[in-house]
Amino acid sequence: MGDVVDIVELTKQINRVARGKISDIDSINREATYLAINALIEAARAGEAGRGFAVVANQVKVVSKKIEQLTRELHSELDSLGTRMVGQLQHQEAQRLTDLALNMIDIIDRNLYERSCDVRWWATDSAVVQALEDASGDARAHASERLGVILDSYTVYLDLWVMDLDGNVVATGRPGKYPVVGRNVADESWFRPAVATRSGADYVSSEPEGVALLGGAPAAVYATAVREGSNENGRPIGVLAVFFDWAPQAHAVTRGVRLSGDEWETTRCLLVDSKFRVLASSDNDGVFRRTLQLKTTDDPETSRSGYYWTDDALIAFALTQGYETYKGMGWYGVIERKRSR
C-alpha cells in the first residue's frame, strides 16, 4: 500500500485546489451579477427600447443566483467529503500503527519467553547442580566452563551466575570480563524470590536496569532456584540467574518495525513498562530516564490497544498479550508519529 500520510496530504491539496477554483467561479459570477445590474439600470434609462434587454439582464441575475447557490453547496460538500476522506485515511493509518505496536510487543514477549525457558532449563544442568552440591573448586571451575560454553552459543546474554543460598556467587560464564565470583548478591531484588520459587517450573524476573556488577550495562534478569539432584520438586540448594543483554536486543526490536525510510523521519517506536517508563526507543532518547504519559482507559478492551491524537503527534499503543506460559510484565509497544503540517 502507498504511504497513507502522502495520500492524506494529497487529499488536502486536492481540496485546496477545488476550493480555489470554486472561489474563482464565485468571483466571475459576482462580475456577471454586477454587469446584469448595470444592464438593468441602462435598460430602465432606455425606456421602451430597453425592455428586451432588461429581460435578458433579469435572466442573467437568476442564473447568477443559481450559480451562487451551486458553488455554496459544492463548497460545503467538498469540505464534508474531504474531512471524511482525511478522517478515514487517518483512522486506517492509526490502526496500522496500532497493529505494528502490537507486533513489536509480541516480538519482545516471545524473546523474553525464551529467556524464562533458558533459566529453568540450565538450572538443571549437571555442572550447575554439582557446583552447589560439591562446593569444591574443581566443580565450580567446571560449572564456569560450562556456563562459558552456553554463552558462546547464546549471544543475547551478558553473563550467567550461580549462587549459593547465602547469595554468594560461586560460578559465572565470563569470570575474566566480570570478576564477580565471591561477591554477595543476596540483596538483589530477584534473589530471595528465586530461592522461594515453588518448583523447577517457576522463575522470577526483573525489569531492565543497569547492573553495577556488569559495568552498569542494562539487563533483564531471569532467575530460579537450582534444586537438589536436578529434581523439579527438589530442595533448593542455590540460584541461577541469567542476564539478558537488554540494550542491543530491545533496540533491534524497536528499529525492526516495518516502516519506510520517509516514515522513520517522523516516527519513533518505544517499549514502555506498566508505569510508562521508557525501556527502549528507536532513537535511544529517554531510555530509563523518561516516562510517556500514555492515555489508556479503565475499559479492558480499549486499554489493550488503540490510538489517540495529541497536539503534536499520533500515539498508537498495544499492551502485552504474553506468549505461551509467559504472561508478560504489563509492558506496552508504542509508536509515535508526528503530525504532518
Protein backbone atom coordinates (compact mmCIF):
# COMPACT_ATOMS: atom_id res chain seq x y z
CA MET A 1 0.00 0.00 0.00
CA GLY A 2 1.06 3.61 -0.56
CA ASP A 3 2.13 5.91 2.21
CA VAL A 4 -1.14 6.95 3.86
CA VAL A 5 0.40 10.19 5.10
CA ASP A 6 1.15 11.19 1.48
CA ILE A 7 -2.40 10.27 0.44
CA VAL A 8 -3.84 12.38 3.26
CA GLU A 9 -1.69 15.32 2.19
CA LEU A 10 -2.70 14.83 -1.47
CA THR A 11 -6.38 14.79 -0.45
CA LYS A 12 -5.88 18.07 1.39
CA GLN A 13 -4.15 19.57 -1.65
CA ILE A 14 -7.00 18.47 -3.96
CA ASN A 15 -9.48 20.03 -1.56
CA ARG A 16 -7.49 23.28 -1.53
CA VAL A 17 -7.34 23.37 -5.35
CA ALA A 18 -11.08 22.67 -5.63
CA ARG A 19 -11.93 25.42 -3.15
CA GLY A 20 -9.67 27.81 -5.07
CA LYS A 21 -11.47 27.06 -8.34
CA ILE A 22 -14.85 27.50 -6.65
CA SER A 23 -13.66 30.85 -5.35
CA ASP A 24 -12.71 31.84 -8.93
CA ILE A 25 -16.20 30.86 -10.14
CA ASP A 26 -17.74 32.94 -7.35
CA SER A 27 -15.64 35.91 -8.41
CA ILE A 28 -16.67 35.61 -12.06
CA ASN A 29 -20.29 35.15 -11.02
CA ARG A 30 -20.20 38.34 -8.96
CA GLU A 31 -18.87 40.20 -12.01
CA ALA A 32 -21.74 38.80 -14.09
CA THR A 33 -24.20 39.94 -11.41
CA TYR A 34 -22.76 43.45 -11.41
CA LEU A 35 -23.00 43.55 -15.21
CA ALA A 36 -26.65 42.42 -15.03
CA ILE A 37 -27.42 45.15 -12.50
CA ASN A 38 -25.74 47.76 -14.71
CA ALA A 39 -27.65 46.44 -17.72
CA LEU A 40 -30.95 46.80 -15.84
CA ILE A 41 -30.09 50.39 -14.96
CA GLU A 42 -29.28 51.19 -18.57
CA ALA A 43 -32.41 49.38 -19.77
CA ALA A 44 -34.53 51.49 -17.42
CA ARG A 45 -32.99 54.65 -18.82
CA ALA A 46 -33.70 53.49 -22.35
CA GLY A 47 -37.37 53.04 -21.54
CA GLU A 48 -39.46 51.04 -24.00
CA ALA A 49 -36.44 50.47 -26.25
CA GLY A 50 -34.55 48.76 -23.43
CA ARG A 51 -37.33 46.43 -22.30
CA GLY A 52 -35.96 43.36 -24.17
CA PHE A 53 -32.51 43.97 -22.78
CA ALA A 54 -33.98 44.17 -19.26
CA VAL A 55 -35.50 40.70 -19.71
CA VAL A 56 -32.06 39.31 -20.58
CA ALA A 57 -30.44 41.11 -17.66
CA ASN A 58 -33.03 39.71 -15.24
CA GLN A 59 -32.40 36.21 -16.57
CA VAL A 60 -28.64 36.72 -16.05
CA LYS A 61 -29.39 37.63 -12.40
CA VAL A 62 -31.45 34.42 -11.98
CA VAL A 63 -28.66 32.33 -13.47
CA SER A 64 -26.11 34.08 -11.24
CA LYS A 65 -28.14 33.28 -8.14
CA LYS A 66 -28.32 29.64 -9.17
CA ILE A 67 -24.57 29.57 -9.74
CA GLU A 68 -24.02 31.19 -6.33
CA GLN A 69 -26.23 28.57 -4.65
CA LEU A 70 -24.48 25.76 -6.51
CA THR A 71 -20.98 26.93 -5.56
CA ARG A 72 -22.09 27.30 -1.93
CA GLU A 73 -23.40 23.71 -1.90
CA LEU A 74 -20.32 22.43 -3.73
CA HIS A 75 -18.02 24.15 -1.25
CA SER A 76 -19.89 22.62 1.66
CA GLU A 77 -19.96 19.14 0.13
CA LEU A 78 -16.26 19.26 -0.73
CA ASP A 79 -15.42 20.29 2.83
CA SER A 80 -17.55 17.46 4.22
CA LEU A 81 -16.20 14.88 1.78
CA GLY A 82 -12.60 16.00 2.30
CA THR A 83 -12.98 15.85 6.06
CA ARG A 84 -14.47 12.34 5.86
CA MET A 85 -11.77 11.11 3.49
CA VAL A 86 -8.96 12.51 5.62
CA GLY A 87 -10.60 11.09 8.74
CA GLN A 88 -10.92 7.62 7.19
CA LEU A 89 -7.35 7.63 5.92
CA GLN A 90 -6.04 8.83 9.27
CA HIS A 91 -8.03 6.10 11.01
CA GLN A 92 -6.54 3.48 8.68
CA GLU A 93 -3.05 4.80 9.34
CA ALA A 94 -3.66 4.86 13.09
CA GLN A 95 -4.95 1.28 13.02
CA ARG A 96 -1.91 0.20 11.01
CA LEU A 97 0.43 1.75 13.59
CA THR A 98 -1.55 0.10 16.40
CA ASP A 99 -1.07 -3.27 14.69
CA LEU A 100 2.66 -2.58 14.35
CA ALA A 101 2.83 -1.66 18.05
CA LEU A 102 1.17 -4.96 18.91
CA ASN A 103 3.61 -6.83 16.69
CA MET A 104 6.52 -5.08 18.40
CA ILE A 105 5.43 -6.02 21.93
CA ASP A 106 4.66 -9.54 20.71
CA ILE A 107 8.23 -9.93 19.45
CA ILE A 108 9.73 -8.85 22.78
CA ASP A 109 7.33 -11.16 24.64
CA ARG A 110 8.41 -14.13 22.54
CA ASN A 111 12.02 -13.19 23.19
CA LEU A 112 11.55 -12.96 26.94
CA TYR A 113 9.53 -16.18 27.00
CA GLU A 114 12.65 -17.91 25.66
CA ARG A 115 14.69 -16.37 28.49
CA SER A 116 12.28 -17.81 31.05
CA CYS A 117 12.71 -21.23 29.42
CA ASP A 118 16.50 -20.94 29.32
CA VAL A 119 16.94 -20.20 33.02
CA ARG A 120 14.72 -23.11 34.08
CA TRP A 121 16.47 -25.48 31.70
CA TRP A 122 20.02 -24.50 32.63
CA ALA A 123 19.22 -24.68 36.35
CA THR A 124 19.02 -28.47 35.85
CA ASP A 125 22.41 -28.68 34.13
CA SER A 126 24.55 -31.25 35.96
CA ALA A 127 27.57 -28.92 36.15
CA VAL A 128 25.48 -26.19 37.77
CA VAL A 129 23.93 -28.58 40.28
CA GLN A 130 27.28 -30.17 41.12
CA ALA A 131 28.88 -26.77 41.74
CA LEU A 132 26.39 -26.28 44.61
CA GLU A 133 26.26 -29.87 45.89
CA ASP A 134 30.02 -30.46 45.80
CA ALA A 135 31.24 -26.91 46.54
CA SER A 136 34.79 -27.89 45.52
CA GLY A 137 36.98 -25.61 43.45
CA ASP A 138 37.10 -28.11 40.60
CA ALA A 139 33.31 -28.45 40.48
CA ARG A 140 32.84 -24.70 40.40
CA ALA A 141 35.53 -24.23 37.77
CA HIS A 142 33.80 -26.86 35.65
CA ALA A 143 30.48 -25.03 36.11
CA SER A 144 32.07 -21.77 34.95
CA GLU A 145 33.43 -23.59 31.89
CA ARG A 146 30.00 -24.97 31.14
CA LEU A 147 28.37 -21.55 31.51
CA GLY A 148 31.00 -20.11 29.16
CA VAL A 149 30.12 -22.68 26.51
CA ILE A 150 26.45 -21.75 26.84
CA LEU A 151 27.28 -18.05 26.44
CA ASP A 152 29.26 -18.76 23.27
CA SER A 153 26.08 -20.15 21.72
CA TYR A 154 23.54 -17.79 23.30
CA THR A 155 24.94 -14.37 22.46
CA VAL A 156 21.94 -12.46 23.85
CA TYR A 157 23.28 -12.77 27.42
CA LEU A 158 25.78 -10.63 29.28
CA ASP A 159 26.53 -13.32 31.85
CA LEU A 160 25.18 -16.30 33.81
CA TRP A 161 25.70 -16.60 37.58
CA VAL A 162 25.39 -19.46 40.05
CA MET A 163 24.87 -18.50 43.72
CA ASP A 164 24.62 -20.48 46.94
CA LEU A 165 21.69 -19.99 49.32
CA ASP A 166 23.51 -17.16 51.10
CA GLY A 167 23.77 -15.20 47.87
CA ASN A 168 27.48 -15.75 47.24
CA VAL A 169 28.38 -16.02 43.56
CA VAL A 170 30.25 -19.30 43.08
CA ALA A 171 30.46 -19.61 39.28
CA THR A 172 29.95 -17.36 36.25
CA GLY A 173 30.21 -17.68 32.50
CA ARG A 174 32.57 -14.74 31.95
CA PRO A 175 34.84 -14.55 35.01
CA GLY A 176 37.53 -12.73 33.05
CA LYS A 177 35.21 -9.95 31.93
CA TYR A 178 33.03 -9.71 35.04
CA PRO A 179 35.00 -10.72 38.18
CA VAL A 180 32.00 -11.29 40.43
CA VAL A 181 32.83 -14.72 41.93
CA GLY A 182 32.84 -14.33 45.70
CA ARG A 183 30.57 -11.29 45.66
CA ASN A 184 27.36 -11.44 47.66
CA VAL A 185 24.13 -10.55 45.83
CA ALA A 186 21.59 -11.58 48.45
CA ASP A 187 20.17 -8.05 48.49
CA GLU A 188 19.31 -8.07 44.79
CA SER A 189 15.54 -7.82 44.27
CA TRP A 190 15.36 -11.12 42.39
CA PHE A 191 17.49 -13.31 44.67
CA ARG A 192 15.16 -14.15 47.60
CA PRO A 193 12.11 -14.63 45.35
CA ALA A 194 14.17 -17.05 43.22
CA VAL A 195 15.10 -19.10 46.29
CA ALA A 196 11.41 -19.17 47.23
CA THR A 197 10.14 -20.48 43.89
CA ARG A 198 7.86 -23.45 44.48
CA SER A 199 9.30 -25.78 41.86
CA GLY A 200 11.62 -26.00 38.90
CA ALA A 201 8.74 -24.83 36.71
CA ASP A 202 8.79 -21.39 38.34
CA TYR A 203 11.06 -18.40 37.88
CA VAL A 204 11.28 -14.70 38.73
CA SER A 205 12.19 -11.77 36.51
CA SER A 206 13.08 -8.13 36.88
CA GLU A 207 12.55 -5.17 34.60
CA PRO A 208 15.63 -4.00 32.68
CA GLU A 209 18.02 -1.81 34.63
CA GLY A 210 21.72 -1.15 34.89
CA VAL A 211 23.60 -3.88 36.76
CA ALA A 212 26.53 -2.45 38.71
CA LEU A 213 28.49 -5.72 38.77
CA LEU A 214 28.19 -5.90 34.97
CA GLY A 215 29.73 -2.48 34.47
CA GLY A 216 26.36 -0.75 34.63
CA ALA A 217 25.10 -2.44 31.47
CA PRO A 218 21.29 -2.71 31.38
CA ALA A 219 19.98 -6.23 31.73
CA ALA A 220 16.69 -8.04 32.27
CA VAL A 221 17.32 -10.68 34.94
CA TYR A 222 15.66 -14.10 34.98
CA ALA A 223 16.36 -16.33 37.99
CA THR A 224 15.21 -19.59 39.52
CA ALA A 225 16.26 -21.98 42.25
CA VAL A 226 18.77 -24.73 41.50
CA ARG A 227 17.37 -27.88 43.10
CA GLU A 228 18.94 -30.90 44.68
CA GLY A 229 19.50 -33.74 42.23
CA SER A 230 18.09 -31.61 39.36
CA ASN A 231 14.68 -32.71 40.63
CA GLU A 232 11.87 -30.33 39.69
CA ASN A 233 10.48 -30.58 43.22
CA GLY A 234 13.82 -30.97 44.95
CA ARG A 235 15.12 -28.87 47.82
CA PRO A 236 16.61 -25.51 46.70
CA ILE A 237 20.41 -25.51 47.00
CA GLY A 238 21.17 -22.25 45.22
CA VAL A 239 20.12 -19.89 42.45
CA LEU A 240 20.87 -19.49 38.76
CA ALA A 241 20.47 -16.01 37.25
CA VAL A 242 20.73 -15.11 33.54
CA PHE A 243 21.33 -11.53 32.40
CA PHE A 244 19.64 -10.70 29.11
CA ASP A 245 21.64 -8.07 27.23
CA TRP A 246 18.81 -5.57 27.05
CA ALA A 247 20.11 -2.54 25.11
CA PRO A 248 21.07 -4.07 21.73
CA GLN A 249 18.23 -6.59 21.73
CA ALA A 250 15.50 -4.08 22.59
CA HIS A 251 16.89 -1.52 20.15
CA ALA A 252 16.82 -4.13 17.40
CA VAL A 253 13.12 -4.75 18.15
CA THR A 254 12.17 -1.06 18.09
CA ARG A 255 14.18 -0.42 14.93
CA GLY A 256 12.84 -3.57 13.31
CA VAL A 257 9.32 -2.18 12.91
CA ARG A 258 8.34 -2.23 9.23
CA LEU A 259 8.30 1.45 8.35
CA SER A 260 9.53 3.16 5.19
CA GLY A 261 12.54 5.46 5.19
CA ASP A 262 10.31 8.52 4.96
CA GLU A 263 8.15 7.27 7.82
CA TRP A 264 11.18 6.90 10.11
CA GLU A 265 11.83 10.64 9.71
CA THR A 266 8.64 11.44 11.64
CA THR A 267 8.18 8.27 13.70
CA ARG A 268 9.71 6.65 16.75
CA CYS A 269 8.94 3.27 18.31
CA LEU A 270 9.11 2.57 22.02
CA LEU A 271 8.72 -0.08 24.68
CA VAL A 272 7.38 1.22 28.00
CA ASP A 273 6.70 -0.57 31.27
CA SER A 274 3.44 -0.71 33.25
CA LYS A 275 4.25 2.70 34.78
CA PHE A 276 5.02 4.09 31.31
CA ARG A 277 8.77 4.37 31.91
CA VAL A 278 10.65 4.22 28.60
CA LEU A 279 12.52 0.91 28.40
CA ALA A 280 13.65 1.18 24.79
CA SER A 281 13.31 3.65 21.95
CA SER A 282 14.21 3.52 18.28
CA ASP A 283 16.00 6.88 18.66
CA ASN A 284 17.55 5.91 22.05
CA ASP A 285 16.06 9.04 23.60
CA GLY A 286 14.98 8.98 27.26
CA VAL A 287 15.63 5.28 27.90
CA PHE A 288 15.22 4.59 31.67
CA ARG A 289 15.03 8.37 32.24
CA ARG A 290 11.67 9.47 30.88
CA THR A 291 8.06 8.44 31.18
CA LEU A 292 5.45 8.61 28.45
CA GLN A 293 2.05 9.87 29.57
CA LEU A 294 0.17 7.14 27.75
CA LYS A 295 -3.60 7.64 27.72
CA THR A 296 -5.27 4.34 28.45
CA THR A 297 -8.77 3.73 29.82
CA ASP A 298 -10.38 1.61 32.52
CA ASP A 299 -12.15 -0.41 29.83
CA PRO A 300 -10.24 -3.72 29.49
CA GLU A 301 -10.88 -3.81 25.74
CA THR A 302 -9.81 -0.28 24.79
CA SER A 303 -6.92 -0.25 27.28
CA ARG A 304 -5.23 -3.15 25.50
CA SER A 305 -4.68 -1.29 22.25
CA GLY A 306 -5.73 1.88 20.49
CA TYR A 307 -4.59 5.32 19.47
CA TYR A 308 -5.17 8.98 20.19
CA TRP A 309 -4.05 12.36 18.94
CA THR A 310 -2.05 14.96 20.82
CA ASP A 311 -1.30 18.48 19.61
CA ASP A 312 1.90 17.23 18.02
CA ALA A 313 1.54 13.53 17.28
CA LEU A 314 -0.49 10.40 16.76
CA ILE A 315 0.15 7.87 19.53
CA ALA A 316 -0.64 4.20 18.82
CA PHE A 317 -0.15 1.58 21.53
CA ALA A 318 -0.70 -2.08 22.38
CA LEU A 319 -0.48 -3.87 25.73
CA THR A 320 1.45 -7.12 26.04
CA GLN A 321 -0.63 -10.21 25.43
CA GLY A 322 2.01 -12.59 26.73
CA TYR A 323 3.20 -15.68 24.92
CA GLU A 324 2.66 -19.34 25.75
CA THR A 325 3.20 -19.63 29.54
CA TYR A 326 4.79 -16.16 29.71
CA LYS A 327 2.15 -13.69 30.86
CA GLY A 328 4.20 -10.60 30.15
CA MET A 329 5.04 -7.79 32.54
CA GLY A 330 2.37 -5.25 31.69
CA TRP A 331 4.52 -3.54 29.07
CA TYR A 332 3.31 -1.60 26.03
CA GLY A 333 4.54 -1.25 22.49
CA VAL A 334 4.12 2.39 21.43
CA ILE A 335 4.50 4.16 18.09
CA GLU A 336 4.62 7.94 18.00
CA ARG A 337 4.07 9.65 14.64
CA LYS A 338 4.50 13.43 14.37
CA ARG A 339 1.59 15.32 12.83
CA SER A 340 2.10 16.48 9.27
CA ARG A 341 1.99 20.25 8.97
